[in-house]
Amino acid sequence: MTDTRTVAVLGTGIMGAAMARNLARAGHTVRAWNRTRAKAEPLTADGVLVAGTPAEAVEGADVVLTMLYDGPAALDAMREAAPALRPGTAWAQCSTAGTEALGDLAAFAGEHGLVFFDAPVLGTRQPAEAGQLLVLAAGPAGHRPVVAPVFDAIGSRTVWTGEDGTAGTATRLKLVANSWVVAATAATGETLALAKALGVDPRHFFDAIAGGPLDMGYLRAKARLILDDELTPAQFAVATAVKDARLIVRAGEEHGVRLDVAAASAARLERAAAQGHADEDMAAAYFASFGEDEAPSA
């Protein structure tokens, strides 16, 4: 098999569009579909064929890549694609679907004879656009050569978590990683909010922790978005972060673990969304520390 594939990308939001572009730039034949077609049309400038339906996108594809809002959205798109799916096609399910939805996705793959890869990705807009995502993947070793060039085009590396995509090992790892991302984002916003309330110059805080064990690149990156008012375009939107935080909380509940920080972070993100920050970067949870009428500047 050559190193190029015909790839169908279902879902061209922030992440899916970047993936489609990088796949096309790597020499793959890419057909993309999005529920709102206008959002996919700019991809034509990168050599991507924009399809009118999921079925049109997946026809003849070697690999189907889904990058949609959640598990139900991915399943709906695949059901629409079903008439054109070929048994033996590799399905790389890259959406953050959570553990609850994975069973339905795996069942669909089994019903249609698809080779299922549980393959969520870690990263936001910038690494997605640079083809530097981290792919967390589980799937049969014998079929990995089919998806390897696809994962190489969208990511800097792939971490394999198991042979059975339907077992959800990659999805569970993604939820664990995202629990840290959500907690760190919430802590960043609260730290800056407290600094503002106490009249502390944020630069003094960063000087105090510089180079030590409390310093962290992610903290500085998210703080910069707040302090420099660069919350749009979002690297990872508040609305999507709410969904992921709720998936994390539910996964904990399902396994008898109480995740107080994740639950509180989800509530903060929901308040920020209600205040009008849903489409801004998740760092905008900062504003949830203040009353709706205060609308502070950082």
Protein backbone atom coordinates (compact mmCIF):
# COMPACT_ATOMS: atom_id res chain seq x y z
CA MET A 1 0.00 0.00 0.00
CA THR A 2 1.30 3.46 -0.84
CA ASP A 3 1.66 6.13 1.83
CA THR A 4 -1.22 8.20 0.49
CA ARG A 5 -4.85 7.51 1.27
CA THR A 6 -8.29 8.67 0.29
CA VAL A 7 -9.60 10.19 3.49
CA ALA A 8 -13.10 11.39 4.34
CA VAL A 9 -13.17 14.04 7.06
CA LEU A 10 -16.59 14.43 8.66
CA GLY A 11 -16.71 17.63 10.68
CA THR A 12 -14.72 20.74 9.74
CA GLY A 13 -14.80 22.89 12.83
CA ILE A 14 -11.64 24.38 14.33
CA MET A 15 -9.93 21.01 14.56
CA GLY A 16 -11.44 19.14 11.63
CA ALA A 17 -10.66 21.88 9.14
CA ALA A 18 -7.02 21.99 10.23
CA MET A 19 -6.81 18.21 9.97
CA ALA A 20 -8.27 18.23 6.46
CA ARG A 21 -5.78 20.87 5.32
CA ASN A 22 -2.81 18.98 6.71
CA LEU A 23 -3.99 15.74 5.15
CA ALA A 24 -4.27 17.43 1.76
CA ARG A 25 -0.86 19.05 2.15
CA ALA A 26 0.61 15.61 2.89
CA GLY A 27 -0.64 14.38 -0.48
CA HIS A 28 -3.74 12.51 0.60
CA THR A 29 -6.96 12.75 -1.37
CA VAL A 30 -9.37 14.45 1.01
CA ARG A 31 -13.12 14.79 0.87
CA ALA A 32 -14.69 16.83 3.66
CA TRP A 33 -18.23 17.26 4.88
CA ASN A 34 -19.70 19.63 7.43
CA ARG A 35 -23.29 20.08 8.55
CA THR A 36 -22.97 23.78 7.70
CA ARG A 37 -21.38 23.54 4.27
CA ALA A 38 -20.22 27.18 4.23
CA LYS A 39 -17.75 26.39 7.00
CA ALA A 40 -16.13 23.72 4.83
CA GLU A 41 -15.98 25.66 1.56
CA PRO A 42 -12.68 27.49 2.33
CA LEU A 43 -10.97 24.09 2.29
CA THR A 44 -11.30 23.95 -1.49
CA ALA A 45 -8.38 26.40 -1.67
CA ASP A 46 -6.23 23.66 -0.13
CA GLY A 47 -7.29 21.02 -2.62
CA VAL A 48 -10.00 19.46 -0.47
CA LEU A 49 -13.19 18.34 -2.19
CA VAL A 50 -16.19 19.52 -0.19
CA ALA A 51 -18.97 16.94 -0.26
CA GLY A 52 -22.66 17.66 0.01
CA THR A 53 -23.45 14.63 2.19
CA PRO A 54 -21.57 12.26 4.48
CA ALA A 55 -22.27 9.43 2.02
CA GLU A 56 -20.67 11.40 -0.80
CA ALA A 57 -17.64 12.09 1.37
CA VAL A 58 -17.00 8.49 2.42
CA GLU A 59 -17.56 6.79 -0.93
CA GLY A 60 -14.40 4.88 -1.83
CA ALA A 61 -12.50 6.20 1.20
CA ASP A 62 -9.67 4.19 2.75
CA VAL A 63 -10.08 6.02 6.04
CA VAL A 64 -13.06 7.87 7.50
CA LEU A 65 -12.08 10.43 10.14
CA THR A 66 -14.81 11.90 12.35
CA MET A 67 -14.11 15.13 14.22
CA LEU A 68 -17.50 16.28 15.45
CA TYR A 69 -18.88 17.91 18.59
CA ASP A 70 -19.62 14.72 20.49
CA GLY A 71 -20.44 11.03 20.19
CA PRO A 72 -24.08 11.41 19.12
CA ALA A 73 -23.06 13.89 16.40
CA ALA A 74 -20.42 11.45 15.11
CA LEU A 75 -22.95 8.62 15.11
CA ASP A 76 -25.54 10.70 13.24
CA ALA A 77 -23.00 11.57 10.54
CA MET A 78 -21.93 7.95 10.17
CA ARG A 79 -25.53 6.81 9.90
CA GLU A 80 -25.99 9.26 7.04
CA ALA A 81 -22.80 7.90 5.47
CA ALA A 82 -23.85 4.25 5.92
CA PRO A 83 -25.11 3.62 2.36
CA ALA A 84 -21.65 4.37 0.94
CA LEU A 85 -19.48 2.71 3.59
CA ARG A 86 -17.46 -0.31 2.51
CA PRO A 87 -16.78 -3.21 4.90
CA GLY A 88 -13.13 -3.15 5.92
CA THR A 89 -12.86 0.66 5.81
CA ALA A 90 -10.87 2.13 8.68
CA TRP A 91 -12.82 4.52 10.89
CA ALA A 92 -10.69 6.87 13.00
CA GLN A 93 -13.06 8.35 15.56
CA CYS A 94 -11.23 11.48 16.72
CA SER A 95 -14.06 13.33 18.46
CA THR A 96 -14.07 13.59 22.24
CA ALA A 97 -17.05 11.31 22.63
CA GLY A 98 -16.78 10.18 26.24
CA THR A 99 -17.22 6.69 27.59
CA GLU A 100 -21.02 6.66 27.41
CA ALA A 101 -21.21 7.16 23.65
CA LEU A 102 -18.37 4.81 22.76
CA GLY A 103 -20.54 1.71 22.95
CA ASP A 104 -22.94 2.99 20.31
CA LEU A 105 -20.07 4.03 18.03
CA ALA A 106 -18.38 0.65 18.39
CA ALA A 107 -21.66 -1.14 17.74
CA PHE A 108 -22.16 0.85 14.53
CA ALA A 109 -18.66 -0.06 13.39
CA GLY A 110 -19.36 -3.71 14.03
CA GLU A 111 -22.68 -3.66 12.19
CA HIS A 112 -21.03 -2.21 9.08
CA GLY A 113 -17.80 -4.20 9.17
CA LEU A 114 -15.61 -1.15 9.79
CA VAL A 115 -12.18 -1.36 11.39
CA PHE A 116 -12.66 0.88 14.40
CA PHE A 117 -9.90 3.11 15.76
CA ASP A 118 -10.62 5.00 18.96
CA ALA A 119 -8.40 8.01 18.21
CA PRO A 120 -9.12 11.23 20.11
CA VAL A 121 -6.51 13.97 19.84
CA LEU A 122 -4.87 16.28 22.33
CA GLY A 123 -4.27 19.85 21.22
CA THR A 124 -6.01 23.06 20.26
CA ARG A 125 -6.23 25.29 17.19
CA GLN A 126 -2.54 26.17 16.93
CA PRO A 127 -1.09 22.64 17.10
CA ALA A 128 -3.92 21.39 14.89
CA GLU A 129 -3.04 23.92 12.21
CA ALA A 130 0.64 23.00 12.51
CA GLY A 131 -0.05 19.26 12.27
CA GLN A 132 1.34 18.84 15.78
CA LEU A 133 -1.56 17.18 17.59
CA LEU A 134 -0.97 14.23 19.89
CA VAL A 135 -3.03 11.29 18.65
CA LEU A 136 -4.21 8.89 21.34
CA ALA A 137 -5.18 5.71 19.54
CA ALA A 138 -6.36 2.18 20.06
CA GLY A 139 -6.95 -0.30 17.25
CA PRO A 140 -5.77 -3.55 15.72
CA ALA A 141 -2.05 -3.68 14.99
CA GLY A 142 -2.62 -5.43 11.67
CA HIS A 143 -4.59 -2.47 10.34
CA ARG A 144 -2.45 0.33 11.76
CA PRO A 145 -0.46 0.78 8.53
CA VAL A 146 -3.70 2.00 6.93
CA VAL A 147 -4.18 4.85 9.40
CA ALA A 148 -0.53 5.58 10.25
CA PRO A 149 0.03 8.05 7.35
CA VAL A 150 -3.20 9.82 8.33
CA PHE A 151 -2.15 10.16 11.96
CA ASP A 152 1.32 11.28 10.88
CA ALA A 153 -0.21 14.08 8.80
CA ILE A 154 -2.31 15.48 11.64
CA GLY A 155 -0.05 14.82 14.62
CA SER A 156 3.50 14.99 15.86
CA ARG A 157 3.21 11.52 17.38
CA THR A 158 0.75 8.75 18.15
CA VAL A 159 0.42 7.07 21.54
CA TRP A 160 -1.07 3.60 21.17
CA THR A 161 -3.13 2.49 24.15
CA GLY A 162 -4.36 -0.91 23.02
CA GLU A 163 -5.37 -3.29 20.24
CA ASP A 164 -9.13 -2.99 20.68
CA GLY A 165 -10.59 0.36 19.69
CA THR A 166 -13.97 -0.61 21.09
CA ALA A 167 -12.50 -0.97 24.61
CA GLY A 168 -12.17 2.82 24.86
CA THR A 169 -8.65 2.94 26.28
CA ALA A 170 -7.76 5.99 24.19
CA THR A 171 -10.99 7.79 25.06
CA ARG A 172 -10.40 7.16 28.76
CA LEU A 173 -6.87 8.54 28.48
CA LYS A 174 -8.24 11.61 26.69
CA LEU A 175 -10.69 12.25 29.54
CA VAL A 176 -7.88 11.93 32.09
CA ALA A 177 -5.73 14.39 30.12
CA ASN A 178 -8.61 16.79 29.63
CA SER A 179 -9.38 16.71 33.35
CA TRP A 180 -5.95 18.26 33.89
CA VAL A 181 -6.49 20.80 31.09
CA VAL A 182 -9.85 21.88 32.53
CA ALA A 183 -8.49 22.13 36.08
CA ALA A 184 -5.41 24.09 34.98
CA THR A 185 -7.55 26.50 32.94
CA ALA A 186 -9.91 27.11 35.84
CA ALA A 187 -7.01 27.67 38.23
CA THR A 188 -5.40 30.13 35.82
CA GLY A 189 -8.59 32.20 35.62
CA GLU A 190 -9.13 32.19 39.37
CA THR A 191 -5.53 33.18 40.07
CA LEU A 192 -5.74 36.16 37.73
CA ALA A 193 -9.18 37.11 39.11
CA LEU A 194 -7.83 37.07 42.67
CA ALA A 195 -4.81 39.11 41.61
CA LYS A 196 -7.13 41.70 40.09
CA ALA A 197 -9.35 41.81 43.16
CA LEU A 198 -6.36 42.25 45.49
CA GLY A 199 -4.63 44.80 43.28
CA VAL A 200 -1.67 42.50 42.56
CA ASP A 201 0.21 43.03 39.31
CA PRO A 202 0.09 39.65 37.47
CA ARG A 203 3.68 40.22 36.38
CA HIS A 204 4.78 39.96 40.00
CA PHE A 205 3.08 36.57 40.29
CA PHE A 206 4.85 35.29 37.19
CA ASP A 207 8.16 36.68 38.41
CA ALA A 208 7.66 34.87 41.72
CA ILE A 209 7.12 31.44 40.15
CA ALA A 210 9.52 31.84 37.21
CA GLY A 211 11.68 28.78 36.63
CA GLY A 212 10.37 26.90 39.63
CA PRO A 213 8.13 23.86 40.03
CA LEU A 214 5.00 26.05 40.05
CA ASP A 215 5.79 27.57 36.67
CA MET A 216 4.06 26.05 33.65
CA GLY A 217 3.93 26.89 29.97
CA TYR A 218 0.19 26.22 29.78
CA LEU A 219 -0.46 28.64 32.66
CA ARG A 220 1.45 31.38 30.89
CA ALA A 221 -0.20 30.68 27.52
CA LYS A 222 -3.75 30.86 28.89
CA ALA A 223 -2.95 33.85 31.09
CA ARG A 224 -1.58 35.70 28.08
CA LEU A 225 -4.86 35.20 26.21
CA ILE A 226 -6.71 36.81 29.11
CA LEU A 227 -4.27 39.62 29.84
CA ASP A 228 -3.77 40.55 26.18
CA ASP A 229 -7.49 40.19 25.34
CA GLU A 230 -6.80 37.55 22.68
CA LEU A 231 -9.68 35.21 23.48
CA THR A 232 -10.84 35.16 19.87
CA PRO A 233 -10.39 33.28 17.69
CA ALA A 234 -10.65 30.52 20.25
CA GLN A 235 -7.93 27.93 20.56
CA PHE A 236 -10.55 25.77 22.28
CA ALA A 237 -13.96 27.29 22.84
CA VAL A 238 -15.77 27.64 26.17
CA ALA A 239 -18.84 25.82 24.80
CA THR A 240 -16.80 22.78 23.81
CA ALA A 241 -14.91 22.82 27.10
CA VAL A 242 -18.25 22.70 28.94
CA LYS A 243 -19.14 19.54 27.05
CA ASP A 244 -15.79 17.92 27.81
CA ALA A 245 -15.92 18.87 31.48
CA ARG A 246 -19.35 17.27 31.82
CA LEU A 247 -18.08 14.11 30.11
CA ILE A 248 -15.26 13.97 32.64
CA VAL A 249 -17.63 14.38 35.58
CA ARG A 250 -19.97 11.68 34.27
CA ALA A 251 -17.09 9.28 33.67
CA GLY A 252 -16.01 9.74 37.26
CA GLU A 253 -19.54 9.16 38.51
CA GLU A 254 -19.85 5.99 36.44
CA HIS A 255 -16.78 4.60 38.16
CA GLY A 256 -17.54 5.78 41.69
CA VAL A 257 -15.14 8.73 41.74
CA ARG A 258 -16.22 12.19 42.87
CA LEU A 259 -14.46 14.88 40.83
CA ASP A 260 -15.11 18.11 42.71
CA VAL A 261 -12.64 20.22 40.74
CA ALA A 262 -13.98 19.03 37.39
CA ALA A 263 -17.58 19.69 38.51
CA ALA A 264 -16.70 23.18 39.74
CA SER A 265 -14.75 23.88 36.54
CA ALA A 266 -17.74 22.81 34.46
CA ALA A 267 -19.94 25.21 36.42
CA ARG A 268 -17.45 28.06 35.89
CA LEU A 269 -17.36 27.39 32.17
CA GLU A 270 -21.16 27.30 32.03
CA ARG A 271 -21.36 30.68 33.79
CA ALA A 272 -18.86 32.16 31.35
CA ALA A 273 -20.92 30.83 28.44
CA ALA A 274 -24.08 32.33 29.92
CA GLN A 275 -22.27 35.66 30.18
CA GLY A 276 -21.70 35.64 26.43
CA HIS A 277 -18.26 34.01 26.20
CA ALA A 278 -19.31 30.65 24.71
CA ASP A 279 -17.38 31.13 21.46
CA GLU A 280 -14.27 32.57 23.09
CA ASP A 281 -11.28 30.58 24.23
CA MET A 282 -11.87 28.46 27.32
CA ALA A 283 -9.57 30.82 29.22
CA ALA A 284 -12.59 33.14 29.24
CA ALA A 285 -13.82 31.12 32.24
CA TYR A 286 -11.86 33.89 33.99
CA PHE A 287 -14.95 36.08 33.69
CA ALA A 288 -17.03 33.63 35.72
CA SER A 289 -15.26 34.96 38.82
CA PHE A 290 -17.12 38.24 38.46
CA GLY A 291 -20.75 39.29 38.46
CA GLU A 292 -22.55 39.53 35.14
CA ASP A 293 -22.71 43.32 35.34
CA GLU A 294 -19.08 43.85 36.26
CA ALA A 295 -17.56 42.77 32.92
CA PRO A 296 -14.00 43.47 34.07
CA SER A 297 -11.04 43.91 31.82
CA ALA A 298 -8.09 41.68 32.69
